[in-house]
Amino acid sequence: MTTAPAAAVRTEPPAAHLEIAPSVLYFGTPVVLVSTENEDGTFNLAPVSSAWALGWTVVLGLGREGQTARNLGSRPGLVLSLPDPGLWPAVERLAPLTGRNPVPPGKPAGCRYAPDKFAAAGLTGAPSHLVRPPRVAECPLQLEARAERVRPGLSGDFVIVEAAVCKVHADSRIVVPGTDHVDPAAWSPLVYNFRHYFGLGPELGHSYRTRTPRSGGGAAAAAH
């Protein structure tokens, strides 16, 4: 196990902190493209910047007026496709689009209806195995899931979705050969950081819990 480096000794006091009131708190989370089924059997695709996982449960925060929230209220199948940094232009092409027609009044200015959001973003649907909505073929990591609980958020503007993942698809190039582990040195999610897009920086070290440690220069970040 690689030992973490000793803490550096401060030679000057830490910088002063300011009290601020940012309009959003997107402090750096992976982008997730969520595909769901519309009432007419077609499919919606939407970028989400509020998502986190615990085991094989993924929790999503969605706008209450969006087509994704509406779909999951009655059709629980969904796919969570995680793009890599190179796909950020496609994600941004999705950003001003909605699957609701007419456009809900609460949507941001410039938002417009698009019936086929896969085509509008230049992305390709791939058949799923256990749910109806398609995966995004270009994304290296794709999670088929079912929404087990959809409930209102505290503010009333959002819904919180608890989704149980039932199948994981991973590009072979990001999998440690001969294992079920994602190689954290090969996989870099697209990160949404205060409304700007980033990839991951250089590897710094690895958790004591990792099952894919590497010797030499830098140790791997934690693999789950």
C-alpha atoms as a PDB file:
ATOM      1  CA  MET A   1       0.000   0.000   0.000  1.00  0.00           C
ATOM      2  CA  THR A   2       1.325   3.418  -0.936  1.00  0.00           C
ATOM      3  CA  THR A   3       1.790   5.737   2.028  1.00  0.00           C
ATOM      4  CA  ALA A   4       0.308   9.191   1.694  1.00  0.00           C
ATOM      5  CA  PRO A   5       2.912  11.957   1.679  1.00  0.00           C
ATOM      6  CA  ALA A   6       3.438  13.852   4.905  1.00  0.00           C
ATOM      7  CA  ALA A   7       1.512  17.094   5.205  1.00  0.00           C
ATOM      8  CA  ALA A   8       3.457  20.106   4.037  1.00  0.00           C
ATOM      9  CA  VAL A   9       4.451  22.617   6.703  1.00  0.00           C
ATOM     10  CA  ARG A  10       2.748  25.978   6.192  1.00  0.00           C
ATOM     11  CA  THR A  11       5.082  28.914   5.944  1.00  0.00           C
ATOM     12  CA  GLU A  12       2.340  31.546   5.793  1.00  0.00           C
ATOM     13  CA  PRO A  13      -1.214  31.843   7.167  1.00  0.00           C
ATOM     14  CA  PRO A  14      -4.086  30.551   4.987  1.00  0.00           C
ATOM     15  CA  ALA A  15      -5.870  33.040   2.748  1.00  0.00           C
ATOM     16  CA  ALA A  16      -8.876  34.864   4.137  1.00  0.00           C
ATOM     17  CA  HIS A  17     -12.299  33.464   3.293  1.00  0.00           C
ATOM     18  CA  LEU A  18     -15.115  35.558   1.846  1.00  0.00           C
ATOM     19  CA  GLU A  19     -18.809  35.078   2.550  1.00  0.00           C
ATOM     20  CA  ILE A  20     -20.457  34.645  -0.854  1.00  0.00           C
ATOM     21  CA  ALA A  21     -23.901  33.751  -2.238  1.00  0.00           C
ATOM     22  CA  PRO A  22     -23.333  31.971  -5.580  1.00  0.00           C
ATOM     23  CA  SER A  23     -26.346  31.450  -7.826  1.00  0.00           C
ATOM     24  CA  VAL A  24     -25.548  27.719  -8.144  1.00  0.00           C
ATOM     25  CA  LEU A  25     -23.604  25.171  -6.123  1.00  0.00           C
ATOM     26  CA  TYR A  26     -22.298  22.970  -8.918  1.00  0.00           C
ATOM     27  CA  PHE A  27     -18.956  22.529  -7.174  1.00  0.00           C
ATOM     28  CA  GLY A  28     -17.631  19.850  -9.491  1.00  0.00           C
ATOM     29  CA  THR A  29     -19.685  16.749 -10.276  1.00  0.00           C
ATOM     30  CA  PRO A  30     -19.617  14.341 -13.244  1.00  0.00           C
ATOM     31  CA  VAL A  31     -22.020  15.044 -16.096  1.00  0.00           C
ATOM     32  CA  VAL A  32     -24.601  12.293 -16.659  1.00  0.00           C
ATOM     33  CA  LEU A  33     -26.704  11.935 -19.801  1.00  0.00           C
ATOM     34  CA  VAL A  34     -30.079  10.486 -18.779  1.00  0.00           C
ATOM     35  CA  SER A  35     -32.201   8.712 -21.370  1.00  0.00           C
ATOM     36  CA  THR A  36     -35.865   8.024 -20.576  1.00  0.00           C
ATOM     37  CA  GLU A  37     -38.991   6.921 -22.433  1.00  0.00           C
ATOM     38  CA  ASN A  38     -41.604   9.428 -23.590  1.00  0.00           C
ATOM     39  CA  GLU A  39     -45.356   8.753 -23.548  1.00  0.00           C
ATOM     40  CA  ASP A  40     -45.388   7.964 -27.289  1.00  0.00           C
ATOM     41  CA  GLY A  41     -42.566   5.405 -27.052  1.00  0.00           C
ATOM     42  CA  THR A  42     -39.823   7.727 -28.315  1.00  0.00           C
ATOM     43  CA  PHE A  43     -36.906   8.624 -26.086  1.00  0.00           C
ATOM     44  CA  ASN A  44     -35.670  11.740 -24.324  1.00  0.00           C
ATOM     45  CA  LEU A  45     -32.040  12.555 -23.548  1.00  0.00           C
ATOM     46  CA  ALA A  46     -31.015  15.166 -20.986  1.00  0.00           C
ATOM     47  CA  PRO A  47     -27.756  16.259 -19.336  1.00  0.00           C
ATOM     48  CA  VAL A  48     -27.755  16.195 -15.533  1.00  0.00           C
ATOM     49  CA  SER A  49     -25.183  17.837 -13.282  1.00  0.00           C
ATOM     50  CA  SER A  50     -26.524  16.669  -9.914  1.00  0.00           C
ATOM     51  CA  ALA A  51     -25.809  12.970  -9.463  1.00  0.00           C
ATOM     52  CA  TRP A  52     -24.014  10.788  -6.949  1.00  0.00           C
ATOM     53  CA  ALA A  53     -23.719   7.062  -6.307  1.00  0.00           C
ATOM     54  CA  LEU A  54     -23.782   4.904  -3.199  1.00  0.00           C
ATOM     55  CA  GLY A  55     -23.150   1.273  -4.012  1.00  0.00           C
ATOM     56  CA  TRP A  56     -25.409   0.468  -6.957  1.00  0.00           C
ATOM     57  CA  THR A  57     -27.876   3.248  -6.157  1.00  0.00           C
ATOM     58  CA  VAL A  58     -27.598   6.552  -8.022  1.00  0.00           C
ATOM     59  CA  VAL A  59     -29.364   9.664  -6.716  1.00  0.00           C
ATOM     60  CA  LEU A  60     -30.313  12.337  -9.255  1.00  0.00           C
ATOM     61  CA  GLY A  61     -31.552  15.886  -8.871  1.00  0.00           C
ATOM     62  CA  LEU A  62     -33.851  16.948 -11.729  1.00  0.00           C
ATOM     63  CA  GLY A  63     -35.837  20.027 -12.610  1.00  0.00           C
ATOM     64  CA  ARG A  64     -39.490  19.402 -11.737  1.00  0.00           C
ATOM     65  CA  GLU A  65     -40.763  20.792 -15.067  1.00  0.00           C
ATOM     66  CA  GLY A  66     -38.419  18.782 -17.296  1.00  0.00           C
ATOM     67  CA  GLN A  67     -39.386  15.874 -19.513  1.00  0.00           C
ATOM     68  CA  THR A  68     -37.020  13.536 -17.635  1.00  0.00           C
ATOM     69  CA  ALA A  69     -38.849  14.023 -14.334  1.00  0.00           C
ATOM     70  CA  ARG A  70     -42.219  13.616 -16.058  1.00  0.00           C
ATOM     71  CA  ASN A  71     -41.127  10.390 -17.758  1.00  0.00           C
ATOM     72  CA  LEU A  72     -39.710   8.797 -14.624  1.00  0.00           C
ATOM     73  CA  GLY A  73     -42.927   9.429 -12.738  1.00  0.00           C
ATOM     74  CA  SER A  74     -44.697   6.766 -14.824  1.00  0.00           C
ATOM     75  CA  ARG A  75     -41.989   4.927 -16.800  1.00  0.00           C
ATOM     76  CA  PRO A  76     -39.124   4.072 -14.430  1.00  0.00           C
ATOM     77  CA  GLY A  77     -36.579   2.662 -16.868  1.00  0.00           C
ATOM     78  CA  LEU A  78     -33.590   4.901 -17.560  1.00  0.00           C
ATOM     79  CA  VAL A  79     -29.972   4.820 -18.652  1.00  0.00           C
ATOM     80  CA  LEU A  80     -27.209   6.926 -17.133  1.00  0.00           C
ATOM     81  CA  SER A  81     -24.436   7.447 -19.679  1.00  0.00           C
ATOM     82  CA  LEU A  82     -21.267   9.170 -18.472  1.00  0.00           C
ATOM     83  CA  PRO A  83     -19.407  11.119 -21.180  1.00  0.00           C
ATOM     84  CA  ASP A  84     -15.667  11.690 -21.238  1.00  0.00           C
ATOM     85  CA  PRO A  85     -14.210  15.222 -21.543  1.00  0.00           C
ATOM     86  CA  GLY A  86     -14.050  15.042 -25.340  1.00  0.00           C
ATOM     87  CA  LEU A  87     -17.842  14.896 -25.517  1.00  0.00           C
ATOM     88  CA  TRP A  88     -18.442  18.257 -23.868  1.00  0.00           C
ATOM     89  CA  PRO A  89     -19.565  19.960 -27.142  1.00  0.00           C
ATOM     90  CA  ALA A  90     -22.303  17.331 -27.536  1.00  0.00           C
ATOM     91  CA  VAL A  91     -23.391  17.874 -23.933  1.00  0.00           C
ATOM     92  CA  GLU A  92     -23.539  21.612 -24.517  1.00  0.00           C
ATOM     93  CA  ARG A  93     -25.647  21.079 -27.652  1.00  0.00           C
ATOM     94  CA  LEU A  94     -28.161  19.306 -25.411  1.00  0.00           C
ATOM     95  CA  ALA A  95     -28.121  21.983 -22.720  1.00  0.00           C
ATOM     96  CA  PRO A  96     -30.647  24.426 -24.300  1.00  0.00           C
ATOM     97  CA  LEU A  97     -33.037  21.701 -25.471  1.00  0.00           C
ATOM     98  CA  THR A  98     -36.145  20.280 -23.848  1.00  0.00           C
ATOM     99  CA  GLY A  99     -38.394  17.351 -24.647  1.00  0.00           C
ATOM    100  CA  ARG A 100     -41.461  19.295 -23.422  1.00  0.00           C
ATOM    101  CA  ASN A 101     -43.708  20.929 -26.009  1.00  0.00           C
ATOM    102  CA  PRO A 102     -44.643  23.670 -25.408  1.00  0.00           C
ATOM    103  CA  VAL A 103     -41.543  24.727 -23.489  1.00  0.00           C
ATOM    104  CA  PRO A 104     -42.410  25.057 -19.773  1.00  0.00           C
ATOM    105  CA  PRO A 105     -42.408  28.690 -18.583  1.00  0.00           C
ATOM    106  CA  GLY A 106     -39.871  27.918 -15.872  1.00  0.00           C
ATOM    107  CA  LYS A 107     -37.181  26.889 -18.351  1.00  0.00           C
ATOM    108  CA  PRO A 108     -34.218  29.290 -18.870  1.00  0.00           C
ATOM    109  CA  ALA A 109     -34.361  31.844 -21.665  1.00  0.00           C
ATOM    110  CA  GLY A 110     -33.292  30.384 -25.000  1.00  0.00           C
ATOM    111  CA  CYS A 111     -34.513  26.875 -24.194  1.00  0.00           C
ATOM    112  CA  ARG A 112     -36.251  25.259 -27.180  1.00  0.00           C
ATOM    113  CA  TYR A 113     -38.116  22.043 -27.939  1.00  0.00           C
ATOM    114  CA  ALA A 114     -36.327  19.218 -29.807  1.00  0.00           C
ATOM    115  CA  PRO A 115     -38.185  15.982 -30.588  1.00  0.00           C
ATOM    116  CA  ASP A 116     -35.005  13.970 -31.306  1.00  0.00           C
ATOM    117  CA  LYS A 117     -32.317  15.061 -28.869  1.00  0.00           C
ATOM    118  CA  PHE A 118     -29.926  12.256 -29.792  1.00  0.00           C
ATOM    119  CA  ALA A 119     -29.775  13.591 -33.357  1.00  0.00           C
ATOM    120  CA  ALA A 120     -29.637  17.216 -32.207  1.00  0.00           C
ATOM    121  CA  ALA A 121     -26.569  16.460 -30.072  1.00  0.00           C
ATOM    122  CA  GLY A 122     -24.902  14.276 -32.709  1.00  0.00           C
ATOM    123  CA  LEU A 123     -25.050  11.211 -30.447  1.00  0.00           C
ATOM    124  CA  THR A 124     -25.997   7.603 -31.189  1.00  0.00           C
ATOM    125  CA  GLY A 125     -28.502   5.443 -29.355  1.00  0.00           C
ATOM    126  CA  ALA A 126     -27.491   1.858 -28.571  1.00  0.00           C
ATOM    127  CA  PRO A 127     -30.014  -0.804 -27.449  1.00  0.00           C
ATOM    128  CA  SER A 128     -30.171  -1.516 -23.732  1.00  0.00           C
ATOM    129  CA  HIS A 129     -30.511  -5.029 -22.325  1.00  0.00           C
ATOM    130  CA  LEU A 130     -32.918  -4.622 -19.394  1.00  0.00           C
ATOM    131  CA  VAL A 131     -34.719  -1.289 -19.917  1.00  0.00           C
ATOM    132  CA  ARG A 132     -36.329   0.376 -22.940  1.00  0.00           C
ATOM    133  CA  PRO A 133     -34.404   3.687 -23.135  1.00  0.00           C
ATOM    134  CA  PRO A 134     -31.194   3.438 -25.186  1.00  0.00           C
ATOM    135  CA  ARG A 135     -27.639   3.932 -24.032  1.00  0.00           C
ATOM    136  CA  VAL A 136     -25.432   6.686 -25.508  1.00  0.00           C
ATOM    137  CA  ALA A 137     -22.997   4.689 -27.646  1.00  0.00           C
ATOM    138  CA  GLU A 138     -20.233   7.304 -27.497  1.00  0.00           C
ATOM    139  CA  CYS A 139     -20.070   7.300 -23.673  1.00  0.00           C
ATOM    140  CA  PRO A 140     -17.424   4.986 -22.150  1.00  0.00           C
ATOM    141  CA  LEU A 141     -19.589   4.159 -19.101  1.00  0.00           C
ATOM    142  CA  GLN A 142     -23.317   3.365 -19.297  1.00  0.00           C
ATOM    143  CA  LEU A 143     -25.597   2.306 -16.433  1.00  0.00           C
ATOM    144  CA  GLU A 144     -29.003   0.728 -17.022  1.00  0.00           C
ATOM    145  CA  ALA A 145     -31.274   1.478 -14.084  1.00  0.00           C
ATOM    146  CA  ARG A 146     -34.807   1.775 -12.723  1.00  0.00           C
ATOM    147  CA  ALA A 147     -36.172   4.713 -10.760  1.00  0.00           C
ATOM    148  CA  GLU A 148     -37.348   3.179  -7.495  1.00  0.00           C
ATOM    149  CA  ARG A 149     -38.339   6.447  -5.807  1.00  0.00           C
ATOM    150  CA  VAL A 150     -39.180   9.881  -7.228  1.00  0.00           C
ATOM    151  CA  ARG A 151     -39.996  12.559  -4.659  1.00  0.00           C
ATOM    152  CA  PRO A 152     -40.137  16.366  -4.475  1.00  0.00           C
ATOM    153  CA  GLY A 153     -37.082  18.284  -3.289  1.00  0.00           C
ATOM    154  CA  LEU A 154     -37.263  20.731  -0.392  1.00  0.00           C
ATOM    155  CA  SER A 155     -37.598  23.825  -2.597  1.00  0.00           C
ATOM    156  CA  GLY A 156     -40.359  22.382  -4.772  1.00  0.00           C
ATOM    157  CA  ASP A 157     -38.427  23.262  -7.938  1.00  0.00           C
ATOM    158  CA  PHE A 158     -36.701  19.891  -8.186  1.00  0.00           C
ATOM    159  CA  VAL A 159     -37.381  16.193  -7.814  1.00  0.00           C
ATOM    160  CA  ILE A 160     -34.989  13.689  -6.273  1.00  0.00           C
ATOM    161  CA  VAL A 161     -34.722  10.312  -7.959  1.00  0.00           C
ATOM    162  CA  GLU A 162     -33.268   7.188  -6.378  1.00  0.00           C
ATOM    163  CA  ALA A 163     -32.351   4.789  -9.172  1.00  0.00           C
ATOM    164  CA  ALA A 164     -31.228   1.173  -8.763  1.00  0.00           C
ATOM    165  CA  VAL A 165     -28.566   0.239 -11.316  1.00  0.00           C
ATOM    166  CA  CYS A 166     -29.188  -3.187 -12.868  1.00  0.00           C
ATOM    167  CA  LYS A 167     -26.461  -3.454 -15.529  1.00  0.00           C
ATOM    168  CA  VAL A 168     -23.155  -1.669 -16.214  1.00  0.00           C
ATOM    169  CA  HIS A 169     -21.540  -1.359 -19.643  1.00  0.00           C
ATOM    170  CA  ALA A 170     -17.918  -0.178 -19.799  1.00  0.00           C
ATOM    171  CA  ASP A 171     -15.650   0.454 -22.764  1.00  0.00           C
ATOM    172  CA  SER A 172     -13.009  -2.294 -22.687  1.00  0.00           C
ATOM    173  CA  ARG A 173     -10.289   0.352 -22.765  1.00  0.00           C
ATOM    174  CA  ILE A 174     -11.234   1.635 -19.298  1.00  0.00           C
ATOM    175  CA  VAL A 175     -11.490  -1.788 -17.617  1.00  0.00           C
ATOM    176  CA  VAL A 176      -8.573  -3.415 -15.767  1.00  0.00           C
ATOM    177  CA  PRO A 177      -7.955  -6.591 -17.851  1.00  0.00           C
ATOM    178  CA  GLY A 178      -9.402  -9.724 -16.339  1.00  0.00           C
ATOM    179  CA  THR A 179     -11.415  -7.851 -13.673  1.00  0.00           C
ATOM    180  CA  ASP A 180     -14.686  -5.985 -13.127  1.00  0.00           C
ATOM    181  CA  HIS A 181     -12.822  -2.825 -12.075  1.00  0.00           C
ATOM    182  CA  VAL A 182     -12.765   0.480 -13.911  1.00  0.00           C
ATOM    183  CA  ASP A 183      -9.169   1.633 -14.374  1.00  0.00           C
ATOM    184  CA  PRO A 184      -9.101   5.136 -12.853  1.00  0.00           C
ATOM    185  CA  ALA A 185      -6.008   6.059 -14.872  1.00  0.00           C
ATOM    186  CA  ALA A 186      -7.834   5.223 -18.118  1.00  0.00           C
ATOM    187  CA  TRP A 187     -11.242   6.701 -17.251  1.00  0.00           C
ATOM    188  CA  SER A 188     -11.791  10.429 -16.922  1.00  0.00           C
ATOM    189  CA  PRO A 189     -15.363  11.697 -16.480  1.00  0.00           C
ATOM    190  CA  LEU A 190     -16.536  15.022 -17.833  1.00  0.00           C
ATOM    191  CA  VAL A 191     -16.881  17.278 -14.787  1.00  0.00           C
ATOM    192  CA  TYR A 192     -19.305  20.212 -14.534  1.00  0.00           C
ATOM    193  CA  ASN A 193     -17.646  22.774 -12.271  1.00  0.00           C
ATOM    194  CA  PHE A 194     -19.642  25.983 -11.637  1.00  0.00           C
ATOM    195  CA  ARG A 195     -21.083  25.826 -15.171  1.00  0.00           C
ATOM    196  CA  HIS A 196     -17.740  25.122 -16.833  1.00  0.00           C
ATOM    197  CA  TYR A 197     -16.538  21.786 -18.249  1.00  0.00           C
ATOM    198  CA  PHE A 198     -13.363  20.056 -17.048  1.00  0.00           C
ATOM    199  CA  GLY A 199     -11.641  16.679 -17.146  1.00  0.00           C
ATOM    200  CA  LEU A 200      -9.582  15.146 -14.343  1.00  0.00           C
ATOM    201  CA  GLY A 201      -6.054  16.322 -13.543  1.00  0.00           C
ATOM    202  CA  PRO A 202      -2.993  14.108 -13.026  1.00  0.00           C
ATOM    203  CA  GLU A 203      -3.236  11.156 -10.683  1.00  0.00           C
ATOM    204  CA  LEU A 204      -2.054  11.930  -7.149  1.00  0.00           C
ATOM    205  CA  GLY A 205      -2.330   8.674  -5.219  1.00  0.00           C
ATOM    206  CA  HIS A 206      -4.732   5.910  -4.287  1.00  0.00           C
ATOM    207  CA  SER A 207      -7.026   4.947  -1.436  1.00  0.00           C
ATOM    208  CA  TYR A 208      -6.020   2.120   0.885  1.00  0.00           C
ATOM    209  CA  ARG A 209      -9.227   0.384  -0.246  1.00  0.00           C
ATOM    210  CA  THR A 210      -8.345   0.208  -3.941  1.00  0.00           C
ATOM    211  CA  ARG A 211      -8.181  -3.214  -5.569  1.00  0.00           C
ATOM    212  CA  THR A 212      -6.067  -1.955  -8.462  1.00  0.00           C
ATOM    213  CA  PRO A 213      -2.918  -0.428  -6.897  1.00  0.00           C
ATOM    214  CA  ARG A 214       0.081   0.346  -9.084  1.00  0.00           C
ATOM    215  CA  SER A 215       3.702   0.459  -8.042  1.00  0.00           C
ATOM    216  CA  GLY A 216       6.177   3.055  -9.213  1.00  0.00           C
ATOM    217  CA  GLY A 217       5.688   6.766  -9.855  1.00  0.00           C
ATOM    218  CA  GLY A 218       2.061   7.565  -9.050  1.00  0.00           C
ATOM    219  CA  ALA A 219      -0.442   5.273  -7.419  1.00  0.00           C
ATOM    220  CA  ALA A 220      -3.916   4.890  -8.838  1.00  0.00           C
ATOM    221  CA  ALA A 221      -6.916   6.760  -7.525  1.00  0.00           C
ATOM    222  CA  ALA A 222      -9.565   4.634  -5.840  1.00  0.00           C
ATOM    223  CA  ALA A 223     -11.392   2.149  -8.059  1.00  0.00           C
ATOM    224  CA  HIS A 224     -14.855   1.053  -7.053  1.00  0.00           C
END
